[in-house]
Protein backbone atom coordinates (compact mmCIF):
# COMPACT_ATOMS: atom_id res chain seq x y z
CA UNK A 1 0.00 0.00 0.00
CA UNK A 2 1.16 3.53 -0.71
CA UNK A 3 1.96 5.97 2.09
CA UNK A 4 2.31 9.74 1.87
CA UNK A 5 4.47 11.67 4.31
CA UNK A 6 2.79 15.07 4.63
CA UNK A 7 4.77 18.21 5.44
CA UNK A 8 3.90 21.89 5.77
CA UNK A 9 7.16 22.92 4.10
CA UNK A 10 8.06 22.29 0.49
CA UNK A 11 11.81 22.42 1.19
CA UNK A 12 11.55 19.93 4.06
CA UNK A 13 9.52 17.58 1.86
CA UNK A 14 12.22 17.66 -0.79
CA UNK A 15 14.94 17.14 1.83
CA UNK A 16 13.06 14.14 3.25
CA UNK A 17 12.68 12.70 -0.27
CA UNK A 18 16.41 13.00 -0.81
CA UNK A 19 17.12 11.20 2.47
CA UNK A 20 14.61 8.45 1.61
CA UNK A 21 16.27 7.87 -1.74
CA UNK A 22 19.74 7.83 -0.14
CA UNK A 23 18.40 5.14 2.23
CA UNK A 24 17.35 3.02 -0.76
CA UNK A 25 13.65 3.85 -0.60
CA UNK A 26 11.97 4.28 -4.00
CA UNK A 27 9.98 7.48 -3.55
CA UNK A 28 8.58 10.43 -5.41
CA UNK A 29 7.02 13.83 -4.88
CA UNK A 30 3.26 13.94 -5.40
CA UNK A 31 0.47 16.44 -4.86
CA UNK A 32 -0.91 16.37 -1.33
CA UNK A 33 -4.55 15.25 -1.41
CA UNK A 34 -7.15 17.56 0.11
CA UNK A 35 -8.08 14.81 2.59
CA UNK A 36 -4.85 15.53 4.48
CA UNK A 37 -6.14 19.01 5.28
CA UNK A 38 -2.57 20.31 5.68
CA UNK A 39 0.56 20.67 3.71
CA UNK A 40 2.45 22.69 1.20
CA UNK A 41 1.01 21.01 -1.84
CA UNK A 42 3.54 18.19 -2.21
CA UNK A 43 4.14 15.05 -0.17
CA UNK A 44 6.64 12.19 -0.24
CA UNK A 45 5.13 8.99 -1.64
CA UNK A 46 6.57 5.55 -0.88
CA UNK A 47 5.49 1.95 -0.27
CA UNK A 48 4.45 1.05 3.29
CA UNK A 49 7.06 -1.74 3.33
CA UNK A 50 9.62 1.07 3.83
CA UNK A 51 7.81 2.66 6.79
CA UNK A 52 10.55 1.66 9.28
CA UNK A 53 13.20 3.44 7.20
CA UNK A 54 11.00 6.51 6.85
CA UNK A 55 10.37 6.65 10.61
CA UNK A 56 14.10 6.22 11.30
CA UNK A 57 14.83 9.24 9.08
CA UNK A 58 12.15 11.26 10.86
CA UNK A 59 13.65 10.28 14.23
CA UNK A 60 17.13 11.27 13.12
CA UNK A 61 16.07 14.52 11.44
CA UNK A 62 13.13 15.98 13.37
CA UNK A 63 11.45 18.03 10.66
CA UNK A 64 9.45 20.82 12.25
CA UNK A 65 6.93 20.83 9.41
CA UNK A 66 6.18 17.09 9.37
CA UNK A 67 2.44 16.65 9.86
CA UNK A 68 1.88 12.90 9.59
CA UNK A 69 1.23 9.99 7.26
CA UNK A 70 -1.68 9.46 4.89
CA UNK A 71 -2.41 5.87 3.86
CA UNK A 72 -5.53 5.20 1.81
CA UNK A 73 -8.16 7.32 3.52
CA UNK A 74 -6.51 7.13 6.96
CA UNK A 75 -4.48 10.07 8.26
CA UNK A 76 -1.98 9.42 11.03
CA UNK A 77 -0.63 12.52 12.69
CA UNK A 78 2.83 12.58 14.20
PDB file of N, CA and C in Angstrom:
ATOM      1  N   UNK A   1       0.846  -1.181   0.000  1.00  0.00           N
ATOM      2  CA  UNK A   1       0.000   0.000   0.000  1.00  0.00           C
ATOM      3  C   UNK A   1       0.891   1.243   0.000  1.00  0.00           C
ATOM      4  N   UNK A   2       0.424   2.273  -0.618  1.00  0.00           N
ATOM      5  CA  UNK A   2       1.157   3.531  -0.713  1.00  0.00           C
ATOM      6  C   UNK A   2       0.939   4.385   0.528  1.00  0.00           C
ATOM      7  N   UNK A   3       2.002   5.054   0.950  1.00  0.00           N
ATOM      8  CA  UNK A   3       1.956   5.971   2.087  1.00  0.00           C
ATOM      9  C   UNK A   3       2.449   7.331   1.608  1.00  0.00           C
ATOM     10  N   UNK A   4       1.830   8.386   2.117  1.00  0.00           N
ATOM     11  CA  UNK A   4       2.309   9.740   1.867  1.00  0.00           C
ATOM     12  C   UNK A   4       2.787  10.331   3.184  1.00  0.00           C
ATOM     13  N   UNK A   5       3.971  10.899   3.170  1.00  0.00           N
ATOM     14  CA  UNK A   5       4.469  11.670   4.311  1.00  0.00           C
ATOM     15  C   UNK A   5       4.130  13.122   4.009  1.00  0.00           C
ATOM     16  N   UNK A   6       3.320  13.723   4.872  1.00  0.00           N
ATOM     17  CA  UNK A   6       2.792  15.067   4.630  1.00  0.00           C
ATOM     18  C   UNK A   6       3.576  16.090   5.459  1.00  0.00           C
ATOM     19  N   UNK A   7       4.012  17.133   4.801  1.00  0.00           N
ATOM     20  CA  UNK A   7       4.768  18.214   5.438  1.00  0.00           C
ATOM     21  C   UNK A   7       4.085  19.549   5.176  1.00  0.00           C
ATOM     22  N   UNK A   8       4.403  20.538   5.993  1.00  0.00           N
ATOM     23  CA  UNK A   8       3.897  21.894   5.773  1.00  0.00           C
ATOM     24  C   UNK A   8       4.904  22.751   4.998  1.00  0.00           C
ATOM     25  N   UNK A   9       6.098  22.191   4.779  1.00  0.00           N
ATOM     26  CA  UNK A   9       7.165  22.919   4.097  1.00  0.00           C
ATOM     27  C   UNK A   9       7.617  22.172   2.854  1.00  0.00           C
ATOM     28  N   UNK A  10       7.629  22.870   1.758  1.00  0.00           N
ATOM     29  CA  UNK A  10       8.062  22.289   0.493  1.00  0.00           C
ATOM     30  C   UNK A  10       9.534  21.879   0.569  1.00  0.00           C
ATOM     31  N   UNK A  11      10.377  22.726   1.130  1.00  0.00           N
ATOM     32  CA  UNK A  11      11.808  22.417   1.192  1.00  0.00           C
ATOM     33  C   UNK A  11      12.082  21.218   2.091  1.00  0.00           C
ATOM     34  N   UNK A  12      11.350  21.078   3.188  1.00  0.00           N
ATOM     35  CA  UNK A  12      11.547  19.925   4.057  1.00  0.00           C
ATOM     36  C   UNK A  12      11.031  18.645   3.404  1.00  0.00           C
ATOM     37  N   UNK A  13       9.996  18.747   2.603  1.00  0.00           N
ATOM     38  CA  UNK A  13       9.515  17.582   1.857  1.00  0.00           C
ATOM     39  C   UNK A  13      10.597  17.098   0.898  1.00  0.00           C
ATOM     40  N   UNK A  14      11.191  18.020   0.181  1.00  0.00           N
ATOM     41  CA  UNK A  14      12.222  17.655  -0.786  1.00  0.00           C
ATOM     42  C   UNK A  14      13.473  17.105  -0.093  1.00  0.00           C
ATOM     43  N   UNK A  15      13.812  17.654   1.064  1.00  0.00           N
ATOM     44  CA  UNK A  15      14.943  17.140   1.827  1.00  0.00           C
ATOM     45  C   UNK A  15      14.658  15.710   2.297  1.00  0.00           C
ATOM     46  N   UNK A  16      13.454  15.479   2.797  1.00  0.00           N
ATOM     47  CA  UNK A  16      13.056  14.144   3.249  1.00  0.00           C
ATOM     48  C   UNK A  16      13.110  13.151   2.081  1.00  0.00           C
ATOM     49  N   UNK A  17      12.623  13.553   0.923  1.00  0.00           N
ATOM     50  CA  UNK A  17      12.678  12.701  -0.265  1.00  0.00           C
ATOM     51  C   UNK A  17      14.117  12.322  -0.605  1.00  0.00           C
ATOM     52  N   UNK A  18      15.005  13.257  -0.536  1.00  0.00           N
ATOM     53  CA  UNK A  18      16.411  12.999  -0.810  1.00  0.00           C
ATOM     54  C   UNK A  18      16.979  11.982   0.181  1.00  0.00           C
ATOM     55  N   UNK A  19      16.638  12.132   1.450  1.00  0.00           N
ATOM     56  CA  UNK A  19      17.117  11.198   2.472  1.00  0.00           C
ATOM     57  C   UNK A  19      16.499   9.804   2.287  1.00  0.00           C
ATOM     58  N   UNK A  20      15.224   9.750   1.897  1.00  0.00           N
ATOM     59  CA  UNK A  20      14.608   8.453   1.608  1.00  0.00           C
ATOM     60  C   UNK A  20      15.358   7.744   0.485  1.00  0.00           C
ATOM     61  N   UNK A  21      15.594   8.459  -0.584  1.00  0.00           N
ATOM     62  CA  UNK A  21      16.271   7.866  -1.743  1.00  0.00           C
ATOM     63  C   UNK A  21      17.684   7.411  -1.387  1.00  0.00           C
ATOM     64  N   UNK A  22      18.394   8.211  -0.575  1.00  0.00           N
ATOM     65  CA  UNK A  22      19.740   7.829  -0.141  1.00  0.00           C
ATOM     66  C   UNK A  22      19.705   6.582   0.736  1.00  0.00           C
ATOM     67  N   UNK A  23      18.571   6.329   1.391  1.00  0.00           N
ATOM     68  CA  UNK A  23      18.405   5.140   2.229  1.00  0.00           C
ATOM     69  C   UNK A  23      17.885   3.954   1.421  1.00  0.00           C
ATOM     70  N   UNK A  24      17.792   4.114   0.107  1.00  0.00           N
ATOM     71  CA  UNK A  24      17.350   3.025  -0.760  1.00  0.00           C
ATOM     72  C   UNK A  24      15.851   2.867  -0.880  1.00  0.00           C
ATOM     73  N   UNK A  25      15.113   3.914  -0.521  1.00  0.00           N
ATOM     74  CA  UNK A  25      13.651   3.850  -0.595  1.00  0.00           C
ATOM     75  C   UNK A  25      13.176   4.473  -1.902  1.00  0.00           C
ATOM     76  N   UNK A  26      12.543   3.694  -2.783  1.00  0.00           N
ATOM     77  CA  UNK A  26      11.967   4.280  -3.996  1.00  0.00           C
ATOM     78  C   UNK A  26      10.838   5.235  -3.583  1.00  0.00           C
ATOM     79  N   UNK A  27      10.962   6.478  -3.981  1.00  0.00           N
ATOM     80  CA  UNK A  27       9.983   7.483  -3.551  1.00  0.00           C
ATOM     81  C   UNK A  27       9.867   8.572  -4.593  1.00  0.00           C
ATOM     82  N   UNK A  28       8.794   9.331  -4.474  1.00  0.00           N
ATOM     83  CA  UNK A  28       8.577  10.431  -5.408  1.00  0.00           C
ATOM     84  C   UNK A  28       7.754  11.526  -4.753  1.00  0.00           C
ATOM     85  N   UNK A  29       7.835  12.698  -5.321  1.00  0.00           N
ATOM     86  CA  UNK A  29       7.024  13.827  -4.884  1.00  0.00           C
ATOM     87  C   UNK A  29       5.678  13.763  -5.601  1.00  0.00           C
ATOM     88  N   UNK A  30       4.612  13.945  -4.835  1.00  0.00           N
ATOM     89  CA  UNK A  30       3.262  13.940  -5.400  1.00  0.00           C
ATOM     90  C   UNK A  30       2.451  15.081  -4.784  1.00  0.00           C
ATOM     91  N   UNK A  31       1.366  15.435  -5.423  1.00  0.00           N
ATOM     92  CA  UNK A  31       0.467  16.439  -4.859  1.00  0.00           C
ATOM     93  C   UNK A  31      -0.172  15.904  -3.578  1.00  0.00           C
ATOM     94  N   UNK A  32      -0.256  16.750  -2.573  1.00  0.00           N
ATOM     95  CA  UNK A  32      -0.912  16.365  -1.328  1.00  0.00           C
ATOM     96  C   UNK A  32      -2.421  16.394  -1.542  1.00  0.00           C
ATOM     97  N   UNK A  33      -3.102  15.278  -1.251  1.00  0.00           N
ATOM     98  CA  UNK A  33      -4.554  15.253  -1.411  1.00  0.00           C
ATOM     99  C   UNK A  33      -5.243  16.181  -0.411  1.00  0.00           C
ATOM    100  N   UNK A  34      -6.377  16.672  -0.784  1.00  0.00           N
ATOM    101  CA  UNK A  34      -7.145  17.560   0.108  1.00  0.00           C
ATOM    102  C   UNK A  34      -7.534  16.873   1.415  1.00  0.00           C
ATOM    103  N   UNK A  35      -7.676  15.555   1.388  1.00  0.00           N
ATOM    104  CA  UNK A  35      -8.076  14.807   2.591  1.00  0.00           C
ATOM    105  C   UNK A  35      -7.096  15.010   3.740  1.00  0.00           C
ATOM    106  N   UNK A  36      -5.855  15.323   3.422  1.00  0.00           N
ATOM    107  CA  UNK A  36      -4.854  15.531   4.476  1.00  0.00           C
ATOM    108  C   UNK A  36      -5.160  16.799   5.258  1.00  0.00           C
ATOM    109  N   UNK A  37      -5.753  17.776   4.603  1.00  0.00           N
ATOM    110  CA  UNK A  37      -6.140  19.010   5.284  1.00  0.00           C
ATOM    111  C   UNK A  37      -4.973  19.879   5.720  1.00  0.00           C
ATOM    112  N   UNK A  38      -3.766  19.525   5.345  1.00  0.00           N
ATOM    113  CA  UNK A  38      -2.574  20.309   5.679  1.00  0.00           C
ATOM    114  C   UNK A  38      -1.585  20.182   4.544  1.00  0.00           C
ATOM    115  N   UNK A  39      -0.528  20.900   4.640  1.00  0.00           N
ATOM    116  CA  UNK A  39       0.559  20.670   3.706  1.00  0.00           C
ATOM    117  C   UNK A  39       0.866  21.831   2.807  1.00  0.00           C
ATOM    118  N   UNK A  40       1.935  21.651   2.084  1.00  0.00           N
ATOM    119  CA  UNK A  40       2.449  22.690   1.200  1.00  0.00           C
ATOM    120  C   UNK A  40       2.080  22.434  -0.244  1.00  0.00           C
ATOM    121  N   UNK A  41       1.378  21.339  -0.481  1.00  0.00           N
ATOM    122  CA  UNK A  41       1.008  21.008  -1.838  1.00  0.00           C
ATOM    123  C   UNK A  41       1.717  19.789  -2.378  1.00  0.00           C
ATOM    124  N   UNK A  42       2.874  19.416  -1.788  1.00  0.00           N
ATOM    125  CA  UNK A  42       3.545  18.189  -2.211  1.00  0.00           C
ATOM    126  C   UNK A  42       3.846  17.323  -0.988  1.00  0.00           C
ATOM    127  N   UNK A  43       3.836  16.030  -1.214  1.00  0.00           N
ATOM    128  CA  UNK A  43       4.138  15.052  -0.172  1.00  0.00           C
ATOM    129  C   UNK A  43       5.134  14.046  -0.725  1.00  0.00           C
ATOM    130  N   UNK A  44       5.727  13.266   0.167  1.00  0.00           N
ATOM    131  CA  UNK A  44       6.640  12.187  -0.237  1.00  0.00           C
ATOM    132  C   UNK A  44       5.850  10.894  -0.292  1.00  0.00           C
ATOM    133  N   UNK A  45       5.872  10.231  -1.427  1.00  0.00           N
ATOM    134  CA  UNK A  45       5.129   8.987  -1.643  1.00  0.00           C
ATOM    135  C   UNK A  45       6.094   7.811  -1.656  1.00  0.00           C
ATOM    136  N   UNK A  46       5.756   6.754  -0.900  1.00  0.00           N
ATOM    137  CA  UNK A  46       6.574   5.546  -0.877  1.00  0.00           C
ATOM    138  C   UNK A  46       5.706   4.370  -0.458  1.00  0.00           C
ATOM    139  N   UNK A  47       6.222   3.158  -0.639  1.00  0.00           N
ATOM    140  CA  UNK A  47       5.486   1.955  -0.275  1.00  0.00           C
ATOM    141  C   UNK A  47       5.573   1.728   1.238  1.00  0.00           C
ATOM    142  N   UNK A  48       4.485   1.237   1.826  1.00  0.00           N
ATOM    143  CA  UNK A  48       4.452   1.052   3.289  1.00  0.00           C
ATOM    144  C   UNK A  48       5.469   0.030   3.792  1.00  0.00           C
ATOM    145  N   UNK A  49       6.031  -0.791   2.909  1.00  0.00           N
ATOM    146  CA  UNK A  49       7.062  -1.737   3.332  1.00  0.00           C
ATOM    147  C   UNK A  49       8.341  -1.024   3.772  1.00  0.00           C
ATOM    148  N   UNK A  50       8.462   0.268   3.439  1.00  0.00           N
ATOM    149  CA  UNK A  50       9.618   1.065   3.826  1.00  0.00           C
ATOM    150  C   UNK A  50       9.319   1.998   5.006  1.00  0.00           C
ATOM    151  N   UNK A  51       8.208   1.766   5.698  1.00  0.00           N
ATOM    152  CA  UNK A  51       7.811   2.656   6.793  1.00  0.00           C
ATOM    153  C   UNK A  51       8.879   2.732   7.888  1.00  0.00           C
ATOM    154  N   UNK A  52       9.524   1.619   8.222  1.00  0.00           N
ATOM    155  CA  UNK A  52      10.548   1.657   9.276  1.00  0.00           C
ATOM    156  C   UNK A  52      11.702   2.578   8.903  1.00  0.00           C
ATOM    157  N   UNK A  53      12.130   2.542   7.648  1.00  0.00           N
ATOM    158  CA  UNK A  53      13.204   3.439   7.204  1.00  0.00           C
ATOM    159  C   UNK A  53      12.753   4.891   7.247  1.00  0.00           C
ATOM    160  N   UNK A  54      11.522   5.139   6.834  1.00  0.00           N
ATOM    161  CA  UNK A  54      11.002   6.508   6.849  1.00  0.00           C
ATOM    162  C   UNK A  54      10.936   7.035   8.284  1.00  0.00           C
ATOM    163  N   UNK A  55      10.446   6.223   9.198  1.00  0.00           N
ATOM    164  CA  UNK A  55      10.372   6.650  10.606  1.00  0.00           C
ATOM    165  C   UNK A  55      11.761   6.876  11.193  1.00  0.00           C
ATOM    166  N   UNK A  56      12.735   6.048  10.806  1.00  0.00           N
ATOM    167  CA  UNK A  56      14.104   6.224  11.296  1.00  0.00           C
ATOM    168  C   UNK A  56      14.668   7.568  10.838  1.00  0.00           C
ATOM    169  N   UNK A  57      14.376   7.941   9.594  1.00  0.00           N
ATOM    170  CA  UNK A  57      14.831   9.236   9.084  1.00  0.00           C
ATOM    171  C   UNK A  57      14.158  10.366   9.859  1.00  0.00           C
ATOM    172  N   UNK A  58      12.868  10.231  10.114  1.00  0.00           N
ATOM    173  CA  UNK A  58      12.153  11.260  10.863  1.00  0.00           C
ATOM    174  C   UNK A  58      12.660  11.367  12.300  1.00  0.00           C
ATOM    175  N   UNK A  59      13.076  10.243  12.873  1.00  0.00           N
ATOM    176  CA  UNK A  59      13.646  10.279  14.229  1.00  0.00           C
ATOM    177  C   UNK A  59      15.009  10.963  14.239  1.00  0.00           C
ATOM    178  N   UNK A  60      15.788  10.717  13.198  1.00  0.00           N
ATOM    179  CA  UNK A  60      17.128  11.272  13.124  1.00  0.00           C
ATOM    180  C   UNK A  60      17.118  12.754  12.749  1.00  0.00           C
ATOM    181  N   UNK A  61      16.186  13.136  11.909  1.00  0.00           N
ATOM    182  CA  UNK A  61      16.074  14.521  11.443  1.00  0.00           C
ATOM    183  C   UNK A  61      14.669  15.019  11.773  1.00  0.00           C
ATOM    184  N   UNK A  62      14.491  15.572  12.953  1.00  0.00           N
ATOM    185  CA  UNK A  62      13.132  15.979  13.372  1.00  0.00           C
ATOM    186  C   UNK A  62      12.634  17.211  12.595  1.00  0.00           C
ATOM    187  N   UNK A  63      11.978  16.954  11.497  1.00  0.00           N
ATOM    188  CA  UNK A  63      11.449  18.028  10.656  1.00  0.00           C
ATOM    189  C   UNK A  63      10.319  18.746  11.383  1.00  0.00           C
ATOM    190  N   UNK A  64      10.460  20.034  11.522  1.00  0.00           N
ATOM    191  CA  UNK A  64       9.452  20.823  12.248  1.00  0.00           C
ATOM    192  C   UNK A  64       8.130  20.901  11.501  1.00  0.00           C
ATOM    193  N   UNK A  65       8.156  20.694  10.191  1.00  0.00           N
ATOM    194  CA  UNK A  65       6.925  20.826   9.409  1.00  0.00           C
ATOM    195  C   UNK A  65       6.241  19.497   9.124  1.00  0.00           C
ATOM    196  N   UNK A  66       6.809  18.381   9.622  1.00  0.00           N
ATOM    197  CA  UNK A  66       6.177  17.086   9.374  1.00  0.00           C
ATOM    198  C   UNK A  66       4.830  17.042  10.075  1.00  0.00           C
ATOM    199  N   UNK A  67       3.806  16.670   9.324  1.00  0.00           N
ATOM    200  CA  UNK A  67       2.445  16.654   9.860  1.00  0.00           C
ATOM    201  C   UNK A  67       1.965  15.248  10.185  1.00  0.00           C
ATOM    202  N   UNK A  68       2.321  14.263   9.352  1.00  0.00           N
ATOM    203  CA  UNK A  68       1.878  12.896   9.588  1.00  0.00           C
ATOM    204  C   UNK A  68       1.873  12.094   8.302  1.00  0.00           C
ATOM    205  N   UNK A  69       1.304  10.890   8.391  1.00  0.00           N
ATOM    206  CA  UNK A  69       1.234   9.990   7.256  1.00  0.00           C
ATOM    207  C   UNK A  69      -0.207   9.826   6.796  1.00  0.00           C
ATOM    208  N   UNK A  70      -0.381   9.719   5.496  1.00  0.00           N
ATOM    209  CA  UNK A  70      -1.682   9.456   4.893  1.00  0.00           C
ATOM    210  C   UNK A  70      -1.566   8.139   4.144  1.00  0.00           C
ATOM    211  N   UNK A  71      -2.408   7.173   4.509  1.00  0.00           N
ATOM    212  CA  UNK A  71      -2.408   5.867   3.864  1.00  0.00           C
ATOM    213  C   UNK A  71      -3.852   5.524   3.526  1.00  0.00           C
ATOM    214  N   UNK A  72      -4.140   5.396   2.228  1.00  0.00           N
ATOM    215  CA  UNK A  72      -5.532   5.199   1.815  1.00  0.00           C
ATOM    216  C   UNK A  72      -6.336   6.416   2.226  1.00  0.00           C
ATOM    217  N   UNK A  73      -7.353   6.205   3.023  1.00  0.00           N
ATOM    218  CA  UNK A  73      -8.164   7.323   3.523  1.00  0.00           C
ATOM    219  C   UNK A  73      -7.858   7.619   4.978  1.00  0.00           C
ATOM    220  N   UNK A  74      -6.881   6.919   5.553  1.00  0.00           N
ATOM    221  CA  UNK A  74      -6.513   7.126   6.962  1.00  0.00           C
ATOM    222  C   UNK A  74      -5.382   8.135   7.077  1.00  0.00           C
ATOM    223  N   UNK A  75      -5.540   9.091   7.993  1.00  0.00           N
ATOM    224  CA  UNK A  75      -4.485  10.074   8.263  1.00  0.00           C
ATOM    225  C   UNK A  75      -3.955   9.826   9.660  1.00  0.00           C
ATOM    226  N   UNK A  76      -2.646   9.670   9.753  1.00  0.00           N
ATOM    227  CA  UNK A  76      -1.984   9.420  11.029  1.00  0.00           C
ATOM    228  C   UNK A  76      -1.073  10.578  11.337  1.00  0.00           C
ATOM    229  N   UNK A  77      -1.463  11.393  12.302  1.00  0.00           N
ATOM    230  CA  UNK A  77      -0.627  12.516  12.691  1.00  0.00           C
ATOM    231  C   UNK A  77       0.659  12.019  13.330  1.00  0.00           C
ATOM    232  N   UNK A  78       1.549  12.928  13.603  1.00  0.00           N
ATOM    233  CA  UNK A  78       2.831  12.580  14.203  1.00  0.00           C
ATOM    234  C   UNK A  78       2.623  11.521  15.226  1.00  0.00           C
TER     235      UNK A  78
END
